[in-house]
Protein backbone atom coordinates (compact mmCIF):
# COMPACT_ATOMS: atom_id res chain seq x y z
CA MET A 1 2.19 -13.19 -25.30
CA LYS A 2 -0.50 -11.71 -23.10
CA ALA A 3 -1.11 -7.95 -22.77
CA PHE A 4 -3.33 -6.01 -20.37
CA LEU A 5 -3.99 -2.26 -20.33
CA LYS A 6 -5.29 -0.35 -17.33
CA GLU A 7 -5.71 3.41 -17.35
CA LEU A 8 -5.69 5.19 -13.99
CA LYS A 9 -7.34 8.57 -13.60
CA PHE A 10 -7.37 10.71 -10.51
CA PRO A 11 -8.00 14.41 -9.85
CA SER A 12 -5.23 16.79 -8.89
CA THR A 13 -5.61 17.72 -5.25
CA THR A 14 -2.89 20.37 -4.92
CA HIS A 15 -0.24 22.01 -7.08
CA THR A 16 2.54 19.58 -6.09
CA TYR A 17 2.00 16.27 -4.34
CA LEU A 18 2.87 12.57 -4.39
CA LYS A 19 0.24 9.87 -4.83
CA ASP A 20 0.98 6.25 -4.03
CA ILE A 21 -0.56 4.12 -6.81
CA THR A 22 0.99 0.82 -5.66
CA ASP A 23 -2.37 -0.70 -4.67
CA GLU A 24 -3.95 0.23 -8.01
CA ILE A 25 -1.01 -1.32 -9.89
CA ASN A 26 -1.19 -4.51 -7.82
CA LYS A 27 -4.96 -4.78 -8.44
CA ALA A 28 -4.38 -4.45 -12.19
CA ILE A 29 -1.74 -7.21 -12.05
CA ARG A 30 -4.14 -9.52 -10.19
CA LYS A 31 -6.93 -8.72 -12.65
CA ALA A 32 -4.64 -9.59 -15.58
CA LYS A 33 -4.01 -12.99 -13.95
CA VAL A 34 -0.35 -13.11 -14.86
CA GLU A 35 2.34 -14.64 -12.68
CA GLU A 36 5.42 -13.17 -14.35
CA GLY A 37 6.21 -10.43 -16.82
CA PHE A 38 6.72 -6.69 -16.95
CA VAL A 39 4.74 -3.71 -15.71
CA PHE A 40 5.08 -0.43 -17.58
CA VAL A 41 3.85 2.77 -15.94
CA ASN A 42 3.82 5.93 -18.00
CA SER A 43 2.13 9.30 -18.17
CA LYS A 44 0.29 10.86 -21.07
CA HIS A 45 0.92 14.35 -19.67
CA THR A 46 4.15 16.29 -19.25
CA THR A 47 2.97 17.84 -15.98
CA LEU A 48 3.01 14.47 -14.23
CA GLY A 49 6.14 12.71 -13.02
CA ILE A 50 6.55 9.12 -11.89
CA VAL A 51 8.76 8.23 -8.94
CA VAL A 52 9.70 4.58 -8.59
CA GLY A 53 11.41 3.43 -5.45
CA GLU A 54 11.08 2.18 -1.94
CA ILE A 55 10.10 4.89 0.52
CA ALA A 56 12.06 3.50 3.48
CA GLU A 57 13.59 6.81 4.55
CA PRO A 58 10.97 8.73 6.58
CA ASN A 59 12.04 12.16 5.28
CA LEU A 60 12.42 11.15 1.63
CA ILE A 61 8.93 12.28 0.57
CA ASP A 62 9.45 15.74 2.10
CA ASP A 63 12.89 15.99 0.47
CA ILE A 64 11.43 15.11 -2.94
CA LEU A 65 8.61 17.65 -2.57
CA HIS A 66 10.68 20.51 -1.18
CA HIS A 67 14.13 20.12 -2.73
CA THR A 68 13.65 18.56 -6.15
CA LEU A 69 10.37 19.97 -7.44
């Protein structure tokens, strides 16, 4: 079994915001040179949340920021 670890770091820009890390995840997958498997995304800090989903609804990001946080 093959394993690959990639740590992402980025500065906080505002108190509450969403950051799309899809490109960084896809680059890590390409670098690992795997064609199938699992991707695990987690946070080492309790002040960070991870949202997984398709952002097809144009108002979904605003709803998440203003009504759930």
